[in-house]
Amino acid sequence: MGVEVLSTDAMSGASDALLTVTDLRTHFHVGEHVVKAVDGVSLTVHKGKTLGIVGESGSGKTVLSRSIMGINTAPNIETSGSVTYNGTELVGSSRSTMRKLWGAEMSMVFQDPMTSLNPVVKVGRQVTEHLRSHQGVSKSEARQAAIELLKWVRIPEPEKRLENYPHQMSGGMRQRVCIAIALACGPKLLFADEPTTALDVTVQHQILNLLSQQQRERDMAMVLVTHDLGVVATRTDEIAVMYAGRVVEQASTSTLFDDMRHPYTQSLFWSIPKTSEPKHTRLSAIVGRPPNLAALPPGCSFAARCPYAQDVCREQAPELQPTEDPSHLFACHLPVGSDEGRRALEVNVQLGLPQAKSAALRATVAGGGR
């Protein structure tokens, strides 16, 4: 059974839930194997709020977003559980029902604009498609609206850009076009899937600022998918950390950074480059590789890479449990900051485990383990 992960507002009984996901599972059948890309995720997104979903590549972030939107449609994909959007059940809904929601009620900014945009269709037509389909406006009205959209996303000379093909624009411009397409019909929920990947730092900042501004102006809920905790630190209300298809920790953003409990969350935090560190400081990497989702090991999926792992971690899969704050949930037998966790780390350092020695060094530098 999946364990329901509720937001802070949901815990307090708020009734403004826009999206409710319950025990969602997406499995890919590949030959004789079953790849459990999403394995029992539950969460809630509230109106006007931002949920950050973080984790390494392969943790299930993108598959989760696509499963919620209902765009994982290959015949070898099995999706179960419940996704309720504004009172409407989406899992098992017909394509015609979903087409009414895509673009108009929920949209996605895809990770790579060069592959999500049609290379042989001009930008103008791609921006106006949703407008003409959902709002029934004329061609001239749709064009004028497209010009305004490109202005909103800070594209210079929008009239000329409508006649461009995607390859005639820079990566930052293409990503802005994708944002304009996603926002064209004023959706209430926006998924931003790694929206700044492959962009330089300055453009990343501009794109994230643009998304935040548009969210505030439209009172839009947003799910920000990324591998970088640094990206979501100041731009989300809550963060859900995913590993091997499951949520391993969730809390409000401020709580997560002040009191992270899962070793994987701690490892992601340590992987963020720090401007306070001297030049040429070696980056902190997570030892090992993510597990094979078609052959998950028993116990905790992170155990093989975890600096705290003991026999119980390799034998029993931990369930999500609350801290003193009932809205802060984590799935770990030996949480960061606990006496049990400190003792486990000491044992693993004595055994010479590289991940334990690295964690002990980082904890010393950080002054207490965070």
Protein backbone atom coordinates (compact mmCIF):
# COMPACT_ATOMS: atom_id res chain seq x y z
CA MET A 1 0.00 0.00 0.00
CA GLY A 2 1.19 3.54 -0.76
CA VAL A 3 1.38 5.96 2.15
CA GLU A 4 -0.42 9.24 1.56
CA VAL A 5 1.80 12.29 1.55
CA LEU A 6 -0.15 15.39 2.45
CA SER A 7 0.90 19.01 2.32
CA THR A 8 0.97 21.33 5.30
CA ASP A 9 -2.29 22.94 4.23
CA ALA A 10 -3.94 19.57 3.78
CA MET A 11 -2.88 18.51 7.25
CA SER A 12 -4.60 21.58 8.70
CA GLY A 13 -7.83 20.69 6.95
CA ALA A 14 -7.68 23.24 4.13
CA SER A 15 -10.18 22.62 1.36
CA ASP A 16 -8.31 24.32 -1.49
CA ALA A 17 -6.73 21.15 -2.90
CA LEU A 18 -6.55 21.43 -6.68
CA LEU A 19 -4.82 18.08 -7.32
CA THR A 20 -4.91 14.98 -5.14
CA VAL A 21 -2.76 11.96 -6.03
CA THR A 22 -3.36 8.73 -4.12
CA ASP A 23 -1.19 5.60 -4.36
CA LEU A 24 -0.24 6.32 -7.97
CA ARG A 25 1.75 3.58 -9.69
CA THR A 26 3.18 3.54 -13.20
CA HIS A 27 4.84 0.31 -14.32
CA PHE A 28 6.50 -0.31 -17.67
CA HIS A 29 6.33 -3.88 -18.98
CA VAL A 30 9.58 -4.50 -20.86
CA GLY A 31 9.87 -8.08 -22.02
CA GLU A 32 9.72 -10.25 -18.90
CA HIS A 33 10.59 -7.35 -16.63
CA VAL A 34 8.42 -4.77 -14.87
CA VAL A 35 10.01 -1.35 -14.36
CA LYS A 36 8.37 0.31 -11.35
CA ALA A 37 8.97 3.91 -12.38
CA VAL A 38 6.36 5.30 -9.95
CA ASP A 39 5.54 3.02 -7.05
CA GLY A 40 2.84 4.22 -4.68
CA VAL A 41 3.09 8.03 -4.63
CA SER A 42 0.50 10.18 -2.87
CA LEU A 43 0.55 13.96 -2.68
CA THR A 44 -1.61 17.06 -2.76
CA VAL A 45 -1.14 20.33 -4.68
CA HIS A 46 -3.07 23.39 -3.54
CA LYS A 47 -4.34 26.35 -5.52
CA GLY A 48 -1.72 29.02 -6.08
CA LYS A 49 1.03 26.97 -4.37
CA THR A 50 4.25 25.46 -5.71
CA LEU A 51 5.36 21.89 -5.03
CA GLY A 52 8.94 21.01 -5.86
CA ILE A 53 9.72 17.40 -6.83
CA VAL A 54 13.44 16.67 -6.63
CA GLY A 55 15.66 13.68 -7.19
CA GLU A 56 18.34 12.30 -9.48
CA SER A 57 17.69 11.26 -13.05
CA GLY A 58 15.75 8.00 -12.97
CA SER A 59 14.01 8.69 -9.68
CA GLY A 60 10.58 8.86 -11.35
CA LYS A 61 9.95 12.63 -11.34
CA THR A 62 9.10 13.04 -15.01
CA VAL A 63 7.11 9.80 -15.21
CA LEU A 64 5.08 10.97 -12.19
CA SER A 65 4.26 14.28 -13.88
CA ARG A 66 3.33 12.62 -17.16
CA SER A 67 1.23 10.02 -15.35
CA ILE A 68 -0.72 12.73 -13.52
CA MET A 69 -1.39 14.47 -16.84
CA GLY A 70 -2.30 11.19 -18.53
CA ILE A 71 0.22 11.42 -21.35
CA ASN A 72 1.95 8.08 -20.69
CA THR A 73 -0.11 6.14 -23.20
CA ALA A 74 2.09 3.39 -24.66
CA PRO A 75 0.49 -0.09 -24.61
CA ASN A 76 3.21 -1.47 -22.30
CA ILE A 77 2.49 1.11 -19.57
CA GLU A 78 0.21 0.23 -16.66
CA THR A 79 -1.06 3.06 -14.46
CA SER A 80 -3.13 2.55 -11.32
CA GLY A 81 -4.20 4.53 -8.29
CA SER A 82 -6.12 7.79 -8.25
CA VAL A 83 -5.49 11.29 -9.61
CA THR A 84 -8.25 13.78 -8.82
CA TYR A 85 -8.08 17.19 -10.47
CA ASN A 86 -10.64 19.71 -9.24
CA GLY A 87 -12.98 16.84 -8.35
CA THR A 88 -12.50 14.92 -11.63
CA GLU A 89 -10.86 11.47 -11.61
CA LEU A 90 -8.17 11.35 -14.32
CA VAL A 91 -6.86 7.78 -14.11
CA GLY A 92 -8.82 5.78 -16.66
CA SER A 93 -10.39 8.88 -18.27
CA SER A 94 -10.96 8.85 -22.02
CA ARG A 95 -8.69 10.70 -24.43
CA SER A 96 -11.50 13.12 -25.28
CA THR A 97 -11.87 14.03 -21.60
CA MET A 98 -8.14 14.59 -21.24
CA ARG A 99 -7.94 16.70 -24.40
CA LYS A 100 -10.41 19.12 -22.83
CA LEU A 101 -8.06 19.49 -19.85
CA TRP A 102 -4.69 19.61 -21.63
CA GLY A 103 -3.72 23.19 -22.27
CA ALA A 104 -6.94 24.64 -20.89
CA GLU A 105 -6.75 23.37 -17.27
CA MET A 106 -3.27 21.85 -16.95
CA SER A 107 -0.12 22.28 -19.01
CA MET A 108 3.49 21.19 -19.02
CA VAL A 109 6.74 22.95 -19.84
CA PHE A 110 8.83 20.07 -21.13
CA GLN A 111 12.49 19.52 -20.35
CA ASP A 112 13.95 19.93 -23.84
CA PRO A 113 12.29 22.62 -25.99
CA MET A 114 14.11 21.45 -29.12
CA THR A 115 12.34 18.09 -28.98
CA SER A 116 9.00 19.31 -27.58
CA LEU A 117 8.60 21.93 -30.32
CA ASN A 118 7.82 20.74 -33.86
CA PRO A 119 10.95 21.57 -35.91
CA VAL A 120 9.05 21.98 -39.20
CA VAL A 121 6.23 24.20 -37.94
CA LYS A 122 6.61 27.93 -37.37
CA VAL A 123 6.48 29.20 -33.81
CA GLY A 124 3.34 31.26 -34.46
CA ARG A 125 1.25 28.25 -35.39
CA GLN A 126 2.50 26.27 -32.39
CA VAL A 127 1.59 29.07 -29.98
CA THR A 128 -1.89 29.58 -31.44
CA GLU A 129 -2.98 25.92 -31.67
CA HIS A 130 -4.34 25.74 -28.10
CA LEU A 131 -6.02 29.12 -28.40
CA ARG A 132 -7.97 28.17 -31.50
CA SER A 133 -8.79 24.70 -30.19
CA HIS A 134 -9.96 25.62 -26.66
CA GLN A 135 -11.19 29.19 -27.04
CA GLY A 136 -12.58 29.13 -30.56
CA VAL A 137 -11.02 32.46 -31.55
CA SER A 138 -10.38 33.54 -35.11
CA LYS A 139 -7.00 33.27 -36.78
CA SER A 140 -6.30 37.00 -36.45
CA GLU A 141 -7.38 37.04 -32.79
CA ALA A 142 -5.19 34.05 -32.05
CA ARG A 143 -2.22 35.76 -33.72
CA GLN A 144 -2.69 38.90 -31.65
CA ALA A 145 -2.95 36.81 -28.49
CA ALA A 146 0.24 34.96 -29.47
CA ILE A 147 2.06 38.27 -29.85
CA GLU A 148 0.95 39.29 -26.36
CA LEU A 149 2.05 35.92 -24.98
CA LEU A 150 5.52 36.30 -26.46
CA LYS A 151 5.72 39.77 -24.95
CA TRP A 152 4.76 38.34 -21.55
CA VAL A 153 7.62 35.86 -21.72
CA ARG A 154 10.07 38.63 -22.68
CA ILE A 155 10.72 37.70 -26.31
CA PRO A 156 11.82 40.76 -28.32
CA GLU A 157 10.20 41.53 -31.68
CA PRO A 158 7.40 38.99 -31.15
CA GLU A 159 5.77 39.69 -34.54
CA LYS A 160 8.96 38.56 -36.31
CA ARG A 161 9.49 35.60 -33.99
CA LEU A 162 6.09 34.16 -34.92
CA GLU A 163 7.54 33.50 -38.39
CA ASN A 164 10.63 31.71 -37.04
CA TYR A 165 11.19 27.97 -36.90
CA PRO A 166 12.49 26.62 -33.55
CA HIS A 167 16.04 26.08 -34.85
CA GLN A 168 16.27 29.81 -35.64
CA MET A 169 16.00 30.68 -31.95
CA SER A 170 18.37 30.28 -29.01
CA GLY A 171 17.80 27.72 -26.26
CA GLY A 172 16.50 30.39 -23.88
CA MET A 173 14.12 31.74 -26.53
CA ARG A 174 12.81 28.26 -27.31
CA GLN A 175 12.15 27.63 -23.62
CA ARG A 176 10.24 30.92 -23.43
CA VAL A 177 8.15 29.80 -26.41
CA CYS A 178 7.34 26.56 -24.57
CA ILE A 179 6.25 28.58 -21.54
CA ALA A 180 4.06 30.80 -23.76
CA ILE A 181 2.41 27.71 -25.26
CA ALA A 182 1.82 26.23 -21.82
CA LEU A 183 0.27 29.47 -20.51
CA ALA A 184 -1.75 30.30 -23.63
CA CYS A 185 -5.15 29.25 -22.26
CA GLY A 186 -4.58 30.25 -18.64
CA PRO A 187 -4.22 26.81 -17.00
CA LYS A 188 -4.81 26.42 -13.28
CA LEU A 189 -1.98 23.88 -12.92
CA LEU A 190 1.45 24.00 -14.56
CA PHE A 191 4.07 21.24 -14.56
CA ALA A 192 7.58 22.58 -15.19
CA ASP A 193 9.79 19.58 -15.96
CA GLU A 194 13.45 20.58 -15.59
CA PRO A 195 12.65 23.92 -17.29
CA THR A 196 16.23 25.22 -17.03
CA THR A 197 18.21 22.14 -18.08
CA ALA A 198 21.02 22.91 -20.58
CA LEU A 199 20.58 26.68 -20.15
CA ASP A 200 23.34 28.92 -18.85
CA VAL A 201 23.06 30.29 -15.32
CA THR A 202 21.82 33.75 -16.34
CA VAL A 203 19.07 32.34 -18.57
CA GLN A 204 18.12 29.82 -15.86
CA HIS A 205 17.55 32.68 -13.45
CA GLN A 206 15.45 34.56 -16.00
CA ILE A 207 13.29 31.53 -16.81
CA LEU A 208 12.64 30.73 -13.14
CA ASN A 209 11.80 34.36 -12.41
CA LEU A 210 9.43 34.36 -15.37
CA LEU A 211 7.63 31.24 -14.15
CA SER A 212 7.30 32.70 -10.64
CA GLN A 213 5.95 35.98 -12.00
CA GLN A 214 3.40 34.29 -14.24
CA GLN A 215 2.30 32.08 -11.36
CA ARG A 216 1.67 35.07 -9.11
CA GLU A 217 -0.19 37.00 -11.80
CA ARG A 218 -2.42 34.04 -12.67
CA ASP A 219 -2.79 32.53 -9.15
CA MET A 220 -1.67 29.28 -10.72
CA ALA A 221 -0.52 26.11 -8.95
CA MET A 222 2.83 24.78 -10.12
CA VAL A 223 4.77 21.54 -9.83
CA LEU A 224 8.46 22.27 -10.34
CA VAL A 225 10.42 19.13 -11.28
CA THR A 226 14.19 19.27 -10.92
CA HIS A 227 17.27 17.35 -9.77
CA ASP A 228 18.64 20.41 -7.98
CA LEU A 229 17.61 21.30 -4.43
CA GLY A 230 19.21 24.70 -4.96
CA VAL A 231 16.66 25.54 -7.67
CA VAL A 232 13.65 24.90 -5.43
CA ALA A 233 15.09 26.43 -2.25
CA THR A 234 13.46 29.84 -2.70
CA ARG A 235 10.78 29.05 -5.29
CA THR A 236 8.53 26.43 -3.69
CA ASP A 237 6.16 26.11 -0.76
CA GLU A 238 6.79 22.39 -0.30
CA ILE A 239 9.30 19.84 -1.52
CA ALA A 240 8.84 16.12 -2.17
CA VAL A 241 12.08 14.15 -2.55
CA MET A 242 11.81 11.11 -4.81
CA TYR A 243 14.09 8.08 -5.03
CA ALA A 244 13.50 4.86 -6.99
CA GLY A 245 9.90 5.78 -7.79
CA ARG A 246 8.86 6.69 -4.25
CA VAL A 247 8.64 9.79 -2.09
CA VAL A 248 11.25 9.40 0.66
CA GLU A 249 10.76 12.80 2.34
CA GLN A 250 8.31 15.67 2.13
CA ALA A 251 7.94 18.89 4.09
CA SER A 252 7.51 22.60 3.70
CA THR A 253 10.58 24.09 2.01
CA SER A 254 11.83 25.90 5.10
CA THR A 255 11.38 22.82 7.28
CA LEU A 256 13.13 20.52 4.84
CA PHE A 257 16.25 22.67 4.66
CA ASP A 258 16.33 23.28 8.42
CA ASP A 259 15.58 19.73 9.55
CA MET A 260 16.15 17.20 6.76
CA ARG A 261 15.85 13.62 8.01
CA HIS A 262 16.49 11.33 5.04
CA PRO A 263 20.13 10.57 4.12
CA TYR A 264 19.28 10.93 0.42
CA THR A 265 17.95 14.45 0.99
CA GLN A 266 21.11 15.26 2.91
CA SER A 267 23.26 13.88 0.07
CA LEU A 268 21.39 16.00 -2.49
CA PHE A 269 21.92 19.06 -0.31
CA TRP A 270 25.63 18.38 0.00
CA SER A 271 25.83 18.08 -3.80
CA ILE A 272 24.88 21.75 -4.23
CA PRO A 273 27.99 23.83 -5.07
CA LYS A 274 28.61 26.40 -2.32
CA THR A 275 29.89 29.89 -3.13
CA SER A 276 31.34 30.02 0.39
CA GLU A 277 33.78 27.21 -0.38
CA PRO A 278 37.27 27.92 -1.78
CA LYS A 279 37.88 27.71 -5.52
CA HIS A 280 38.59 24.26 -6.94
CA THR A 281 36.87 22.55 -4.01
CA ARG A 282 35.93 19.04 -5.10
CA LEU A 283 32.17 18.67 -5.55
CA SER A 284 30.42 16.23 -3.26
CA ALA A 285 28.91 13.37 -5.27
CA ILE A 286 26.58 10.61 -4.09
CA VAL A 287 28.48 7.33 -4.06
CA GLY A 288 27.18 4.63 -6.40
CA ARG A 289 24.30 4.66 -8.86
CA PRO A 290 20.51 4.52 -8.55
CA PRO A 291 19.07 0.99 -8.43
CA ASN A 292 17.63 -0.92 -11.37
CA LEU A 293 13.90 -0.22 -11.20
CA ALA A 294 13.21 -3.58 -12.83
CA ALA A 295 15.03 -5.44 -10.03
CA LEU A 296 14.77 -3.39 -6.86
CA PRO A 297 16.67 -4.80 -3.90
CA PRO A 298 14.85 -5.78 -0.71
CA GLY A 299 14.66 -3.21 2.04
CA CYS A 300 15.44 0.45 1.45
CA SER A 301 16.33 1.23 -2.18
CA PHE A 302 18.97 3.73 -1.03
CA ALA A 303 20.72 1.34 1.36
CA ALA A 304 23.59 0.43 -0.99
CA ARG A 305 24.58 4.11 -1.27
CA CYS A 306 23.62 5.28 2.22
CA PRO A 307 26.32 6.25 4.75
CA TYR A 308 24.06 5.18 7.63
CA ALA A 309 22.72 1.84 6.32
CA GLN A 310 22.62 -1.19 8.62
CA ASP A 311 21.13 -4.68 8.28
CA VAL A 312 17.61 -3.46 9.05
CA CYS A 313 17.84 -1.07 6.09
CA ARG A 314 18.78 -3.88 3.72
CA GLU A 315 16.01 -6.15 4.99
CA GLN A 316 12.97 -3.93 5.68
CA ALA A 317 11.62 -1.16 3.47
CA PRO A 318 10.88 1.87 5.69
CA GLU A 319 7.44 3.46 5.60
CA LEU A 320 6.80 7.19 5.60
CA GLN A 321 6.46 8.50 9.13
CA PRO A 322 5.99 11.96 10.63
CA THR A 323 8.46 13.92 12.73
CA GLU A 324 7.29 16.08 15.62
CA ASP A 325 5.75 18.16 12.83
CA PRO A 326 2.99 15.94 11.36
CA SER A 327 3.37 17.56 7.93
CA HIS A 328 7.06 16.55 7.73
CA LEU A 329 7.28 12.95 6.54
CA PHE A 330 10.30 10.76 5.89
CA ALA A 331 11.01 7.08 5.17
CA CYS A 332 14.15 6.02 7.03
CA HIS A 333 15.05 3.61 9.85
CA LEU A 334 18.10 5.68 10.91
CA PRO A 335 17.23 9.31 10.20
CA VAL A 336 19.73 12.14 9.96
CA GLY A 337 20.20 13.88 13.29
CA SER A 338 19.05 10.95 15.43
CA ASP A 339 21.23 9.13 17.97
CA GLU A 340 20.67 5.90 16.03
CA GLY A 341 21.84 7.58 12.83
CA ARG A 342 24.99 8.95 14.45
CA ARG A 343 25.90 5.55 15.88
CA ALA A 344 25.27 3.87 12.51
CA LEU A 345 27.54 6.39 10.78
CA GLU A 346 30.32 5.76 13.30
CA VAL A 347 30.07 2.00 12.72
CA ASN A 348 30.26 2.44 8.93
CA VAL A 349 33.22 4.82 9.20
CA GLN A 350 35.07 2.19 11.24
CA LEU A 351 34.23 -0.38 8.55
CA GLY A 352 35.80 1.93 5.97
CA LEU A 353 32.71 2.46 3.79
CA PRO A 354 33.55 5.31 1.37
CA GLN A 355 30.10 6.88 1.59
CA ALA A 356 30.32 6.90 5.40
CA LYS A 357 33.78 8.51 5.43
CA SER A 358 32.61 11.14 2.95
CA ALA A 359 29.49 11.87 5.02
CA ALA A 360 31.50 12.15 8.24
CA LEU A 361 33.85 14.62 6.59
CA ARG A 362 30.98 16.69 5.19
CA ALA A 363 29.24 16.64 8.57
CA THR A 364 32.39 17.97 10.22
CA VAL A 365 32.72 20.75 7.64
CA ALA A 366 29.03 21.62 7.87
CA GLY A 367 29.17 21.63 11.66
CA GLY A 368 26.54 19.14 12.65
CA GLY A 369 25.50 17.11 9.66
CA ARG A 370 23.55 19.48 7.43
